[in-house]
Amino acid sequence: MNSQLETTARKVRKIFDTTKQLKEAQKLWFKNVRGYVRANPGTSLGMALAGGFLMSRILSSR
């Protein structure tokens, strides 16, 4: 029983650590995207429009 508890505790710690790493990666990614959009607003708008157009084509064909 004790080994099961230790195994579960290790798994919970690993999940917690992974979650923490993912949150940090997300913050860094958003910071980079925000900087790119501020530096290149026209390109960012064009990419958003192209992405929206492609999504509408994909979803409307169903």
PDB file of N, CA and C in Angstrom:
ATOM      1  N   MET A   1       0.831  -1.200   0.000  1.00  0.00           N
ATOM      2  CA  MET A   1       0.000   0.000   0.000  1.00  0.00           C
ATOM      3  C   MET A   1       0.869   1.254   0.000  1.00  0.00           C
ATOM      4  N   ASN A   2       1.947   1.223   0.749  1.00  0.00           N
ATOM      5  CA  ASN A   2       2.823   2.384   0.850  1.00  0.00           C
ATOM      6  C   ASN A   2       3.507   2.689  -0.478  1.00  0.00           C
ATOM      7  N   SER A   3       3.891   1.643  -1.213  1.00  0.00           N
ATOM      8  CA  SER A   3       4.535   1.865  -2.504  1.00  0.00           C
ATOM      9  C   SER A   3       3.552   2.466  -3.503  1.00  0.00           C
ATOM     10  N   GLN A   4       2.289   2.084  -3.412  1.00  0.00           N
ATOM     11  CA  GLN A   4       1.273   2.679  -4.293  1.00  0.00           C
ATOM     12  C   GLN A   4       1.128   4.161  -4.003  1.00  0.00           C
ATOM     13  N   LEU A   5       1.162   4.496  -2.727  1.00  0.00           N
ATOM     14  CA  LEU A   5       1.042   5.898  -2.323  1.00  0.00           C
ATOM     15  C   LEU A   5       2.238   6.707  -2.832  1.00  0.00           C
ATOM     16  N   GLU A   6       3.434   6.141  -2.726  1.00  0.00           N
ATOM     17  CA  GLU A   6       4.635   6.822  -3.210  1.00  0.00           C
ATOM     18  C   GLU A   6       4.589   6.985  -4.730  1.00  0.00           C
ATOM     19  N   THR A   7       4.137   5.968  -5.424  1.00  0.00           N
ATOM     20  CA  THR A   7       4.020   6.037  -6.887  1.00  0.00           C
ATOM     21  C   THR A   7       3.034   7.122  -7.289  1.00  0.00           C
ATOM     22  N   THR A   8       1.910   7.153  -6.609  1.00  0.00           N
ATOM     23  CA  THR A   8       0.899   8.175  -6.897  1.00  0.00           C
ATOM     24  C   THR A   8       1.447   9.568  -6.610  1.00  0.00           C
ATOM     25  N   ALA A   9       2.154   9.715  -5.515  1.00  0.00           N
ATOM     26  CA  ALA A   9       2.728  11.018  -5.161  1.00  0.00           C
ATOM     27  C   ALA A   9       3.734  11.465  -6.216  1.00  0.00           C
ATOM     28  N   ARG A  10       4.563  10.547  -6.727  1.00  0.00           N
ATOM     29  CA  ARG A  10       5.523  10.895  -7.779  1.00  0.00           C
ATOM     30  C   ARG A  10       4.805  11.343  -9.043  1.00  0.00           C
ATOM     31  N   LYS A  11       3.743  10.632  -9.391  1.00  0.00           N
ATOM     32  CA  LYS A  11       2.987  10.988 -10.598  1.00  0.00           C
ATOM     33  C   LYS A  11       2.338  12.357 -10.457  1.00  0.00           C
ATOM     34  N   VAL A  12       1.806  12.635  -9.286  1.00  0.00           N
ATOM     35  CA  VAL A  12       1.177  13.934  -9.044  1.00  0.00           C
ATOM     36  C   VAL A  12       2.221  15.047  -9.133  1.00  0.00           C
ATOM     37  N   ARG A  13       3.406  14.822  -8.558  1.00  0.00           N
ATOM     38  CA  ARG A  13       4.473  15.824  -8.645  1.00  0.00           C
ATOM     39  C   ARG A  13       4.894  16.051 -10.096  1.00  0.00           C
ATOM     40  N   LYS A  14       4.982  14.975 -10.866  1.00  0.00           N
ATOM     41  CA  LYS A  14       5.367  15.096 -12.276  1.00  0.00           C
ATOM     42  C   LYS A  14       4.325  15.891 -13.050  1.00  0.00           C
ATOM     43  N   ILE A  15       3.046  15.625 -12.795  1.00  0.00           N
ATOM     44  CA  ILE A  15       1.976  16.382 -13.455  1.00  0.00           C
ATOM     45  C   ILE A  15       2.054  17.854 -13.065  1.00  0.00           C
ATOM     46  N   PHE A  16       2.284  18.113 -11.781  1.00  0.00           N
ATOM     47  CA  PHE A  16       2.395  19.493 -11.309  1.00  0.00           C
ATOM     48  C   PHE A  16       3.563  20.199 -11.987  1.00  0.00           C
ATOM     49  N   ASP A  17       4.720  19.547 -12.053  1.00  0.00           N
ATOM     50  CA  ASP A  17       5.894  20.147 -12.681  1.00  0.00           C
ATOM     51  C   ASP A  17       5.662  20.400 -14.173  1.00  0.00           C
ATOM     52  N   THR A  18       5.045  19.448 -14.847  1.00  0.00           N
ATOM     53  CA  THR A  18       4.766  19.600 -16.273  1.00  0.00           C
ATOM     54  C   THR A  18       3.799  20.756 -16.506  1.00  0.00           C
ATOM     55  N   THR A  19       2.787  20.864 -15.662  1.00  0.00           N
ATOM     56  CA  THR A  19       1.820  21.962 -15.769  1.00  0.00           C
ATOM     57  C   THR A  19       2.515  23.304 -15.589  1.00  0.00           C
ATOM     58  N   LYS A  20       3.410  23.361 -14.635  1.00  0.00           N
ATOM     59  CA  LYS A  20       4.145  24.599 -14.385  1.00  0.00           C
ATOM     60  C   LYS A  20       5.005  24.965 -15.598  1.00  0.00           C
ATOM     61  N   GLN A  21       5.673  23.984 -16.201  1.00  0.00           N
ATOM     62  CA  GLN A  21       6.487  24.239 -17.384  1.00  0.00           C
ATOM     63  C   GLN A  21       5.637  24.709 -18.557  1.00  0.00           C
ATOM     64  N   LEU A  22       4.474  24.104 -18.729  1.00  0.00           N
ATOM     65  CA  LEU A  22       3.590  24.501 -19.829  1.00  0.00           C
ATOM     66  C   LEU A  22       3.073  25.925 -19.650  1.00  0.00           C
ATOM     67  N   LYS A  23       2.770  26.299 -18.414  1.00  0.00           N
ATOM     68  CA  LYS A  23       2.307  27.664 -18.153  1.00  0.00           C
ATOM     69  C   LYS A  23       3.394  28.681 -18.469  1.00  0.00           C
ATOM     70  N   GLU A  24       4.638  28.367 -18.109  1.00  0.00           N
ATOM     71  CA  GLU A  24       5.754  29.263 -18.418  1.00  0.00           C
ATOM     72  C   GLU A  24       5.970  29.369 -19.925  1.00  0.00           C
ATOM     73  N   ALA A  25       5.876  28.238 -20.625  1.00  0.00           N
ATOM     74  CA  ALA A  25       6.034  28.246 -22.085  1.00  0.00           C
ATOM     75  C   ALA A  25       4.923  29.072 -22.734  1.00  0.00           C
ATOM     76  N   GLN A  26       3.711  28.957 -22.201  1.00  0.00           N
ATOM     77  CA  GLN A  26       2.584  29.719 -22.739  1.00  0.00           C
ATOM     78  C   GLN A  26       2.813  31.222 -22.555  1.00  0.00           C
ATOM     79  N   LYS A  27       3.293  31.623 -21.389  1.00  0.00           N
ATOM     80  CA  LYS A  27       3.567  33.045 -21.143  1.00  0.00           C
ATOM     81  C   LYS A  27       4.618  33.571 -22.122  1.00  0.00           C
ATOM     82  N   LEU A  28       5.674  32.794 -22.333  1.00  0.00           N
ATOM     83  CA  LEU A  28       6.729  33.202 -23.259  1.00  0.00           C
ATOM     84  C   LEU A  28       6.195  33.293 -24.685  1.00  0.00           C
ATOM     85  N   TRP A  29       5.391  32.320 -25.093  1.00  0.00           N
ATOM     86  CA  TRP A  29       4.834  32.310 -26.440  1.00  0.00           C
ATOM     87  C   TRP A  29       3.945  33.532 -26.661  1.00  0.00           C
ATOM     88  N   PHE A  30       3.057  33.828 -25.696  1.00  0.00           N
ATOM     89  CA  PHE A  30       2.184  34.992 -25.836  1.00  0.00           C
ATOM     90  C   PHE A  30       2.990  36.284 -25.883  1.00  0.00           C
ATOM     91  N   LYS A  31       4.055  36.352 -25.101  1.00  0.00           N
ATOM     92  CA  LYS A  31       4.901  37.548 -25.117  1.00  0.00           C
ATOM     93  C   LYS A  31       5.538  37.725 -26.496  1.00  0.00           C
ATOM     94  N   ASN A  32       6.015  36.635 -27.077  1.00  0.00           N
ATOM     95  CA  ASN A  32       6.623  36.697 -28.409  1.00  0.00           C
ATOM     96  C   ASN A  32       5.600  37.078 -29.476  1.00  0.00           C
ATOM     97  N   VAL A  33       4.415  36.500 -29.411  1.00  0.00           N
ATOM     98  CA  VAL A  33       3.366  36.810 -30.390  1.00  0.00           C
ATOM     99  C   VAL A  33       2.953  38.275 -30.267  1.00  0.00           C
ATOM    100  N   ARG A  34       2.785  38.733 -29.054  1.00  0.00           N
ATOM    101  CA  ARG A  34       2.391  40.126 -28.828  1.00  0.00           C
ATOM    102  C   ARG A  34       3.437  41.077 -29.414  1.00  0.00           C
ATOM    103  N   GLY A  35       4.697  40.771 -29.212  1.00  0.00           N
ATOM    104  CA  GLY A  35       5.768  41.593 -29.765  1.00  0.00           C
ATOM    105  C   GLY A  35       5.754  41.590 -31.286  1.00  0.00           C
ATOM    106  N   TYR A  36       5.522  40.418 -31.887  1.00  0.00           N
ATOM    107  CA  TYR A  36       5.476  40.321 -33.348  1.00  0.00           C
ATOM    108  C   TYR A  36       4.317  41.138 -33.903  1.00  0.00           C
ATOM    109  N   VAL A  37       3.152  41.031 -33.264  1.00  0.00           N
ATOM    110  CA  VAL A  37       1.968  41.755 -33.746  1.00  0.00           C
ATOM    111  C   VAL A  37       2.199  43.262 -33.648  1.00  0.00           C
ATOM    112  N   ARG A  38       2.820  43.703 -32.580  1.00  0.00           N
ATOM    113  CA  ARG A  38       3.088  45.144 -32.438  1.00  0.00           C
ATOM    114  C   ARG A  38       4.117  45.632 -33.459  1.00  0.00           C
ATOM    115  N   ALA A  39       5.086  44.783 -33.776  1.00  0.00           N
ATOM    116  CA  ALA A  39       6.126  45.170 -34.736  1.00  0.00           C
ATOM    117  C   ALA A  39       5.642  45.057 -36.181  1.00  0.00           C
ATOM    118  N   ASN A  40       4.691  44.161 -36.450  1.00  0.00           N
ATOM    119  CA  ASN A  40       4.226  43.905 -37.815  1.00  0.00           C
ATOM    120  C   ASN A  40       2.691  43.839 -37.868  1.00  0.00           C
ATOM    121  N   PRO A  41       2.019  44.950 -37.631  1.00  0.00           N
ATOM    122  CA  PRO A  41       0.556  44.894 -37.581  1.00  0.00           C
ATOM    123  C   PRO A  41      -0.087  44.515 -38.916  1.00  0.00           C
ATOM    124  N   GLY A  42       0.466  44.982 -40.018  1.00  0.00           N
ATOM    125  CA  GLY A  42      -0.114  44.666 -41.327  1.00  0.00           C
ATOM    126  C   GLY A  42       0.008  43.194 -41.661  1.00  0.00           C
ATOM    127  N   THR A  43       1.180  42.655 -41.435  1.00  0.00           N
ATOM    128  CA  THR A  43       1.401  41.232 -41.687  1.00  0.00           C
ATOM    129  C   THR A  43       0.523  40.381 -40.780  1.00  0.00           C
ATOM    130  N   SER A  44       0.410  40.792 -39.525  1.00  0.00           N
ATOM    131  CA  SER A  44      -0.416  40.048 -38.571  1.00  0.00           C
ATOM    132  C   SER A  44      -1.881  40.049 -38.992  1.00  0.00           C
ATOM    133  N   LEU A  45      -2.358  41.193 -39.463  1.00  0.00           N
ATOM    134  CA  LEU A  45      -3.740  41.279 -39.935  1.00  0.00           C
ATOM    135  C   LEU A  45      -3.942  40.388 -41.152  1.00  0.00           C
ATOM    136  N   GLY A  46      -2.990  40.414 -42.082  1.00  0.00           N
ATOM    137  CA  GLY A  46      -3.082  39.556 -43.266  1.00  0.00           C
ATOM    138  C   GLY A  46      -3.095  38.079 -42.901  1.00  0.00           C
ATOM    139  N   MET A  47      -2.266  37.692 -41.936  1.00  0.00           N
ATOM    140  CA  MET A  47      -2.237  36.296 -41.508  1.00  0.00           C
ATOM    141  C   MET A  47      -3.553  35.901 -40.849  1.00  0.00           C
ATOM    142  N   ALA A  48      -4.117  36.805 -40.055  1.00  0.00           N
ATOM    143  CA  ALA A  48      -5.395  36.517 -39.405  1.00  0.00           C
ATOM    144  C   ALA A  48      -6.514  36.375 -40.436  1.00  0.00           C
ATOM    145  N   LEU A  49      -6.515  37.259 -41.431  1.00  0.00           N
ATOM    146  CA  LEU A  49      -7.531  37.168 -42.484  1.00  0.00           C
ATOM    147  C   LEU A  49      -7.378  35.874 -43.291  1.00  0.00           C
ATOM    148  N   ALA A  50      -6.154  35.519 -43.629  1.00  0.00           N
ATOM    149  CA  ALA A  50      -5.916  34.285 -44.387  1.00  0.00           C
ATOM    150  C   ALA A  50      -6.333  33.068 -43.567  1.00  0.00           C
ATOM    151  N   GLY A  51      -5.997  33.073 -42.295  1.00  0.00           N
ATOM    152  CA  GLY A  51      -6.387  31.958 -41.421  1.00  0.00           C
ATOM    153  C   GLY A  51      -7.899  31.846 -41.301  1.00  0.00           C
ATOM    154  N   GLY A  52      -8.578  32.974 -41.160  1.00  0.00           N
ATOM    155  CA  GLY A  52     -10.038  32.964 -41.085  1.00  0.00           C
ATOM    156  C   GLY A  52     -10.669  32.473 -42.371  1.00  0.00           C
ATOM    157  N   PHE A  53     -10.102  32.908 -43.499  1.00  0.00           N
ATOM    158  CA  PHE A  53     -10.617  32.458 -44.791  1.00  0.00           C
ATOM    159  C   PHE A  53     -10.455  30.953 -44.943  1.00  0.00           C
ATOM    160  N   LEU A  54      -9.260  30.436 -44.604  1.00  0.00           N
ATOM    161  CA  LEU A  54      -9.042  28.998 -44.713  1.00  0.00           C
ATOM    162  C   LEU A  54      -9.966  28.202 -43.792  1.00  0.00           C
ATOM    163  N   MET A  55     -10.140  28.693 -42.569  1.00  0.00           N
ATOM    164  CA  MET A  55     -11.043  27.991 -41.641  1.00  0.00           C
ATOM    165  C   MET A  55     -12.470  27.985 -42.156  1.00  0.00           C
ATOM    166  N   SER A  56     -12.906  29.107 -42.748  1.00  0.00           N
ATOM    167  CA  SER A  56     -14.273  29.153 -43.265  1.00  0.00           C
ATOM    168  C   SER A  56     -14.444  28.190 -44.441  1.00  0.00           C
ATOM    169  N   ARG A  57     -13.423  28.062 -45.273  1.00  0.00           N
ATOM    170  CA  ARG A  57     -13.490  27.121 -46.402  1.00  0.00           C
ATOM    171  C   ARG A  57     -13.517  25.680 -45.922  1.00  0.00           C
ATOM    172  N   ILE A  58     -12.715  25.391 -44.934  1.00  0.00           N
ATOM    173  CA  ILE A  58     -12.663  24.022 -44.400  1.00  0.00           C
ATOM    174  C   ILE A  58     -13.981  23.649 -43.737  1.00  0.00           C
ATOM    175  N   LEU A  59     -14.501  24.555 -42.920  1.00  0.00           N
ATOM    176  CA  LEU A  59     -15.715  24.259 -42.158  1.00  0.00           C
ATOM    177  C   LEU A  59     -16.973  24.299 -43.029  1.00  0.00           C
ATOM    178  N   SER A  60     -16.963  25.113 -44.080  1.00  0.00           N
ATOM    179  CA  SER A  60     -18.168  25.197 -44.920  1.00  0.00           C
ATOM    180  C   SER A  60     -18.291  24.031 -45.879  1.00  0.00           C
ATOM    181  N   SER A  61     -17.212  23.297 -46.091  1.00  0.00           N
ATOM    182  CA  SER A  61     -17.260  22.157 -47.021  1.00  0.00           C
ATOM    183  C   SER A  61     -17.854  20.899 -46.365  1.00  0.00           C
ATOM    184  N   ARG A  62     -18.130  20.976 -45.098  1.00  0.00           N
ATOM    185  CA  ARG A  62     -18.666  19.796 -44.384  1.00  0.00           C
ATOM    186  C   ARG A  62     -20.143  19.703 -44.492  1.00  0.00           C
TER     187      ARG A  62
END
